[in-house]
Amino acid sequence: MPIIPGVTIVKNDDFKALYSTCEYFYDELGAIPTISELNFQAFEDPSRKQIKDLYNNILEIVREFYNKTQLILFPYISPELSCGGKKQYLLELDILNKKYCFTGDNIDKKLESVIDHLEKSYPKCYCSKKDCDWFDFCQNYKWVWNKTFNKMSLKEKQKSYCNLKKTINKSFYNAVKNIKR
């Protein structure tokens, strides 16, 4: 039975080894799992060095693996990267299908509740920095960035989100634009 990697949660200190982590998974399994940040109560604002490590490692990951396997890097921050630039959003479904009770016959009928859930999961950001390169991708963001779970203020958390988004997207973009196809 083949093993497919799921989600790998990384702490800020792990940004420096992100490429090595992805390389290990690819070498062992032929795929790279979704890479996601530590969030909710455990979230901490990354230091400048950690942001630099994140940038450099994403750059290397994209250069090495972009044409080899699907890359889903930090989908709670930049879901558009794993969806070819389209505005795609993640909808968490419970394994027992109790939240929506989907069946082959009722998916269309359940669509309204799914859309309602997506609107709650991705509230408006109301960013005023229209000159930002990533402005179009920040109009809705995952609800976890709109709540605080620890002593960090909401303003600090949103600033951290912005910094992470810019770093991840810029690194990904810079790597892709230099890949020979």
C-alpha atoms as a PDB file:
ATOM      1  CA  MET A   1       0.000   0.000   0.000  1.00  0.00           C
ATOM      2  CA  PRO A   2       1.558   3.356  -1.026  1.00  0.00           C
ATOM      3  CA  ILE A   3       2.074   6.016   1.609  1.00  0.00           C
ATOM      4  CA  ILE A   4       0.996   9.538   0.708  1.00  0.00           C
ATOM      5  CA  PRO A   5       2.177  12.371   2.942  1.00  0.00           C
ATOM      6  CA  GLY A   6      -0.509  14.466   4.626  1.00  0.00           C
ATOM      7  CA  VAL A   7       0.165  17.796   6.307  1.00  0.00           C
ATOM      8  CA  THR A   8       3.448  18.768   7.919  1.00  0.00           C
ATOM      9  CA  ILE A   9       3.224  21.529  10.496  1.00  0.00           C
ATOM     10  CA  VAL A  10       6.424  23.540  10.872  1.00  0.00           C
ATOM     11  CA  LYS A  11       7.491  25.910  13.610  1.00  0.00           C
ATOM     12  CA  ASN A  12       9.302  29.131  12.779  1.00  0.00           C
ATOM     13  CA  ASP A  13      12.616  27.571  13.827  1.00  0.00           C
ATOM     14  CA  ASP A  14      12.029  24.858  11.218  1.00  0.00           C
ATOM     15  CA  PHE A  15      12.023  27.368   8.339  1.00  0.00           C
ATOM     16  CA  LYS A  16      15.805  26.972   8.089  1.00  0.00           C
ATOM     17  CA  ALA A  17      15.437  23.246   7.339  1.00  0.00           C
ATOM     18  CA  LEU A  18      12.323  23.406   5.175  1.00  0.00           C
ATOM     19  CA  TYR A  19      14.133  22.472   1.978  1.00  0.00           C
ATOM     20  CA  SER A  20      15.789  19.482   3.669  1.00  0.00           C
ATOM     21  CA  THR A  21      12.425  18.368   5.025  1.00  0.00           C
ATOM     22  CA  CYS A  22      10.816  18.550   1.578  1.00  0.00           C
ATOM     23  CA  GLU A  23      13.803  16.831  -0.009  1.00  0.00           C
ATOM     24  CA  TYR A  24      13.509  13.970   2.478  1.00  0.00           C
ATOM     25  CA  PHE A  25       9.809  13.452   1.749  1.00  0.00           C
ATOM     26  CA  TYR A  26      10.357  13.623  -1.998  1.00  0.00           C
ATOM     27  CA  ASP A  27      13.270  11.183  -1.889  1.00  0.00           C
ATOM     28  CA  GLU A  28      11.380   8.729   0.321  1.00  0.00           C
ATOM     29  CA  LEU A  29       7.830   9.060  -1.029  1.00  0.00           C
ATOM     30  CA  GLY A  30       8.042  10.835  -4.367  1.00  0.00           C
ATOM     31  CA  ALA A  31       5.801  13.638  -3.077  1.00  0.00           C
ATOM     32  CA  ILE A  32       5.905  16.571  -0.693  1.00  0.00           C
ATOM     33  CA  PRO A  33       3.185  16.982   1.917  1.00  0.00           C
ATOM     34  CA  THR A  34       1.259  20.168   2.451  1.00  0.00           C
ATOM     35  CA  ILE A  35       3.480  22.434   4.536  1.00  0.00           C
ATOM     36  CA  SER A  36       1.634  24.591   7.051  1.00  0.00           C
ATOM     37  CA  GLU A  37       2.588  27.013   9.793  1.00  0.00           C
ATOM     38  CA  LEU A  38       2.049  26.444  13.478  1.00  0.00           C
ATOM     39  CA  ASN A  39      -1.039  28.496  14.195  1.00  0.00           C
ATOM     40  CA  PHE A  40      -3.767  29.208  16.715  1.00  0.00           C
ATOM     41  CA  GLN A  41      -2.481  29.589  20.283  1.00  0.00           C
ATOM     42  CA  ALA A  42       1.034  28.383  19.444  1.00  0.00           C
ATOM     43  CA  PHE A  43       1.563  31.005  16.720  1.00  0.00           C
ATOM     44  CA  GLU A  44       4.564  33.272  17.208  1.00  0.00           C
ATOM     45  CA  ASP A  45       5.698  36.190  15.092  1.00  0.00           C
ATOM     46  CA  PRO A  46       8.742  35.031  13.102  1.00  0.00           C
ATOM     47  CA  SER A  47      12.016  36.881  13.573  1.00  0.00           C
ATOM     48  CA  ARG A  48      13.796  38.582  10.670  1.00  0.00           C
ATOM     49  CA  LYS A  49      16.212  35.666  10.451  1.00  0.00           C
ATOM     50  CA  GLN A  50      13.324  33.179  10.341  1.00  0.00           C
ATOM     51  CA  ILE A  51      11.649  35.203   7.575  1.00  0.00           C
ATOM     52  CA  LYS A  52      14.928  35.196   5.631  1.00  0.00           C
ATOM     53  CA  ASP A  53      15.232  31.421   6.169  1.00  0.00           C
ATOM     54  CA  LEU A  54      11.653  30.969   4.983  1.00  0.00           C
ATOM     55  CA  TYR A  55      12.293  33.007   1.832  1.00  0.00           C
ATOM     56  CA  ASN A  56      15.491  31.162   0.947  1.00  0.00           C
ATOM     57  CA  ASN A  57      14.063  27.713   1.603  1.00  0.00           C
ATOM     58  CA  ILE A  58      10.877  28.292  -0.403  1.00  0.00           C
ATOM     59  CA  LEU A  59      13.031  29.612  -3.234  1.00  0.00           C
ATOM     60  CA  GLU A  60      15.041  26.356  -3.227  1.00  0.00           C
ATOM     61  CA  ILE A  61      11.960  24.140  -2.820  1.00  0.00           C
ATOM     62  CA  VAL A  62      10.220  25.726  -5.796  1.00  0.00           C
ATOM     63  CA  ARG A  63      13.360  25.647  -7.954  1.00  0.00           C
ATOM     64  CA  GLU A  64      13.914  21.968  -7.224  1.00  0.00           C
ATOM     65  CA  PHE A  65      10.405  20.522  -7.063  1.00  0.00           C
ATOM     66  CA  TYR A  66       8.033  22.824  -8.986  1.00  0.00           C
ATOM     67  CA  ASN A  67       7.996  20.657 -12.121  1.00  0.00           C
ATOM     68  CA  LYS A  68       8.238  17.369 -10.201  1.00  0.00           C
ATOM     69  CA  THR A  69       5.375  17.346  -7.691  1.00  0.00           C
ATOM     70  CA  GLN A  70       2.504  19.437  -6.425  1.00  0.00           C
ATOM     71  CA  LEU A  71       3.608  22.107  -3.962  1.00  0.00           C
ATOM     72  CA  ILE A  72       1.127  23.229  -1.337  1.00  0.00           C
ATOM     73  CA  LEU A  73       3.078  25.607   0.840  1.00  0.00           C
ATOM     74  CA  PHE A  74       1.320  27.415   3.703  1.00  0.00           C
ATOM     75  CA  PRO A  75      -2.238  27.213   2.344  1.00  0.00           C
ATOM     76  CA  TYR A  76      -3.701  29.155   5.301  1.00  0.00           C
ATOM     77  CA  ILE A  77      -1.509  32.074   4.243  1.00  0.00           C
ATOM     78  CA  SER A  78      -1.278  31.695   0.462  1.00  0.00           C
ATOM     79  CA  PRO A  79      -3.923  29.286  -0.868  1.00  0.00           C
ATOM     80  CA  GLU A  80      -3.561  30.776  -4.354  1.00  0.00           C
ATOM     81  CA  LEU A  81      -0.049  29.324  -4.757  1.00  0.00           C
ATOM     82  CA  SER A  82      -1.279  25.761  -4.780  1.00  0.00           C
ATOM     83  CA  CYS A  83      -4.090  26.578  -7.208  1.00  0.00           C
ATOM     84  CA  GLY A  84      -2.247  28.180 -10.091  1.00  0.00           C
ATOM     85  CA  GLY A  85      -3.028  31.752  -9.070  1.00  0.00           C
ATOM     86  CA  LYS A  86      -6.766  31.202  -8.848  1.00  0.00           C
ATOM     87  CA  LYS A  87      -8.701  32.349  -5.829  1.00  0.00           C
ATOM     88  CA  GLN A  88      -9.208  28.997  -4.183  1.00  0.00           C
ATOM     89  CA  TYR A  89     -10.134  28.438  -0.587  1.00  0.00           C
ATOM     90  CA  LEU A  90      -9.783  25.490   1.719  1.00  0.00           C
ATOM     91  CA  LEU A  91     -12.874  23.891   3.155  1.00  0.00           C
ATOM     92  CA  GLU A  92     -12.236  21.518   6.006  1.00  0.00           C
ATOM     93  CA  LEU A  93     -14.476  18.493   5.995  1.00  0.00           C
ATOM     94  CA  ASP A  94     -14.764  16.166   8.933  1.00  0.00           C
ATOM     95  CA  ILE A  95     -13.716  12.590   8.309  1.00  0.00           C
ATOM     96  CA  LEU A  96     -17.107  11.201   9.341  1.00  0.00           C
ATOM     97  CA  ASN A  97     -18.992  13.615   7.022  1.00  0.00           C
ATOM     98  CA  LYS A  98     -21.211  14.840   9.870  1.00  0.00           C
ATOM     99  CA  LYS A  99     -20.855  18.569   9.195  1.00  0.00           C
ATOM    100  CA  TYR A 100     -22.425  18.580   5.718  1.00  0.00           C
ATOM    101  CA  CYS A 101     -23.615  14.981   5.347  1.00  0.00           C
ATOM    102  CA  PHE A 102     -22.706  14.961   1.660  1.00  0.00           C
ATOM    103  CA  THR A 103     -24.050  12.237  -0.568  1.00  0.00           C
ATOM    104  CA  GLY A 104     -23.920  11.855  -4.312  1.00  0.00           C
ATOM    105  CA  ASP A 105     -27.511  13.119  -4.501  1.00  0.00           C
ATOM    106  CA  ASN A 106     -27.413  16.192  -2.261  1.00  0.00           C
ATOM    107  CA  ILE A 107     -24.232  18.101  -3.110  1.00  0.00           C
ATOM    108  CA  ASP A 108     -26.122  20.790  -5.051  1.00  0.00           C
ATOM    109  CA  LYS A 109     -28.569  21.243  -2.174  1.00  0.00           C
ATOM    110  CA  LYS A 110     -25.714  21.559   0.318  1.00  0.00           C
ATOM    111  CA  LEU A 111     -23.909  24.212  -1.730  1.00  0.00           C
ATOM    112  CA  GLU A 112     -25.555  27.122   0.106  1.00  0.00           C
ATOM    113  CA  SER A 113     -24.313  25.912   3.493  1.00  0.00           C
ATOM    114  CA  VAL A 114     -20.833  25.350   2.037  1.00  0.00           C
ATOM    115  CA  ILE A 115     -20.749  28.907   0.645  1.00  0.00           C
ATOM    116  CA  ASP A 116     -21.939  30.258   3.993  1.00  0.00           C
ATOM    117  CA  HIS A 117     -19.163  28.342   5.745  1.00  0.00           C
ATOM    118  CA  LEU A 118     -16.564  29.628   3.276  1.00  0.00           C
ATOM    119  CA  GLU A 119     -17.662  33.215   3.898  1.00  0.00           C
ATOM    120  CA  LYS A 120     -17.178  32.661   7.639  1.00  0.00           C
ATOM    121  CA  SER A 121     -13.884  30.831   7.104  1.00  0.00           C
ATOM    122  CA  TYR A 122     -12.519  33.567   4.817  1.00  0.00           C
ATOM    123  CA  PRO A 123     -13.753  36.943   6.071  1.00  0.00           C
ATOM    124  CA  LYS A 124     -12.904  40.188   4.292  1.00  0.00           C
ATOM    125  CA  CYS A 125      -9.464  41.526   5.117  1.00  0.00           C
ATOM    126  CA  TYR A 126     -10.064  45.217   4.389  1.00  0.00           C
ATOM    127  CA  CYS A 127      -6.408  45.849   3.657  1.00  0.00           C
ATOM    128  CA  SER A 128      -5.809  49.420   2.579  1.00  0.00           C
ATOM    129  CA  LYS A 129      -2.363  48.858   1.009  1.00  0.00           C
ATOM    130  CA  LYS A 130      -3.529  48.919  -2.593  1.00  0.00           C
ATOM    131  CA  ASP A 131       0.022  49.416  -3.875  1.00  0.00           C
ATOM    132  CA  CYS A 132       1.084  46.014  -2.476  1.00  0.00           C
ATOM    133  CA  ASP A 133       1.961  43.399  -5.131  1.00  0.00           C
ATOM    134  CA  TRP A 134      -0.225  40.849  -3.361  1.00  0.00           C
ATOM    135  CA  PHE A 135      -3.234  43.084  -2.646  1.00  0.00           C
ATOM    136  CA  ASP A 136      -5.583  41.145  -4.937  1.00  0.00           C
ATOM    137  CA  PHE A 137      -4.857  37.937  -3.030  1.00  0.00           C
ATOM    138  CA  CYS A 138      -5.440  39.438   0.419  1.00  0.00           C
ATOM    139  CA  GLN A 139      -9.050  40.484   0.188  1.00  0.00           C
ATOM    140  CA  ASN A 140     -10.164  37.354   2.012  1.00  0.00           C
ATOM    141  CA  TYR A 141      -8.051  35.395   4.402  1.00  0.00           C
ATOM    142  CA  LYS A 142      -8.429  32.380   6.652  1.00  0.00           C
ATOM    143  CA  TRP A 143     -10.337  33.222   9.831  1.00  0.00           C
ATOM    144  CA  VAL A 144      -7.419  32.183  12.073  1.00  0.00           C
ATOM    145  CA  TRP A 145      -5.665  35.405  11.049  1.00  0.00           C
ATOM    146  CA  ASN A 146      -8.607  37.433  12.317  1.00  0.00           C
ATOM    147  CA  LYS A 147      -8.520  36.040  15.860  1.00  0.00           C
ATOM    148  CA  THR A 148      -5.968  35.986  18.625  1.00  0.00           C
ATOM    149  CA  PHE A 149      -5.400  32.936  20.752  1.00  0.00           C
ATOM    150  CA  ASN A 150      -2.489  34.141  22.851  1.00  0.00           C
ATOM    151  CA  LYS A 151      -1.058  37.424  24.105  1.00  0.00           C
ATOM    152  CA  MET A 152      -0.347  38.715  20.595  1.00  0.00           C
ATOM    153  CA  SER A 153      -2.624  41.587  19.602  1.00  0.00           C
ATOM    154  CA  LEU A 154      -4.823  41.260  16.535  1.00  0.00           C
ATOM    155  CA  LYS A 155      -2.919  44.097  14.870  1.00  0.00           C
ATOM    156  CA  GLU A 156       0.406  42.300  15.471  1.00  0.00           C
ATOM    157  CA  LYS A 157      -0.970  39.030  14.158  1.00  0.00           C
ATOM    158  CA  GLN A 158      -2.318  40.650  11.008  1.00  0.00           C
ATOM    159  CA  LYS A 159       1.011  42.400  10.471  1.00  0.00           C
ATOM    160  CA  SER A 160       2.742  39.046  10.831  1.00  0.00           C
ATOM    161  CA  TYR A 161       0.297  37.494   8.338  1.00  0.00           C
ATOM    162  CA  CYS A 162       1.109  40.256   5.873  1.00  0.00           C
ATOM    163  CA  ASN A 163       4.849  39.731   6.305  1.00  0.00           C
ATOM    164  CA  LEU A 164       4.521  35.965   5.881  1.00  0.00           C
ATOM    165  CA  LYS A 165       2.259  36.340   2.829  1.00  0.00           C
ATOM    166  CA  LYS A 166       4.659  38.731   1.118  1.00  0.00           C
ATOM    167  CA  THR A 167       7.655  36.529   1.908  1.00  0.00           C
ATOM    168  CA  ILE A 168       6.047  33.281   0.743  1.00  0.00           C
ATOM    169  CA  ASN A 169       4.535  34.739  -2.422  1.00  0.00           C
ATOM    170  CA  LYS A 170       7.608  36.736  -3.404  1.00  0.00           C
ATOM    171  CA  SER A 171       9.903  33.752  -2.942  1.00  0.00           C
ATOM    172  CA  PHE A 172       7.573  31.428  -4.838  1.00  0.00           C
ATOM    173  CA  TYR A 173       7.163  33.959  -7.654  1.00  0.00           C
ATOM    174  CA  ASN A 174      10.902  34.678  -7.931  1.00  0.00           C
ATOM    175  CA  ALA A 175      11.673  30.969  -8.162  1.00  0.00           C
ATOM    176  CA  VAL A 176       8.968  30.209 -10.741  1.00  0.00           C
ATOM    177  CA  LYS A 177       9.880  33.080 -13.043  1.00  0.00           C
ATOM    178  CA  ASN A 178      13.436  31.740 -13.305  1.00  0.00           C
ATOM    179  CA  ILE A 179      12.562  28.078 -13.938  1.00  0.00           C
ATOM    180  CA  LYS A 180      13.389  26.851 -17.408  1.00  0.00           C
ATOM    181  CA  ARG A 181      10.392  25.006 -18.756  1.00  0.00           C
END
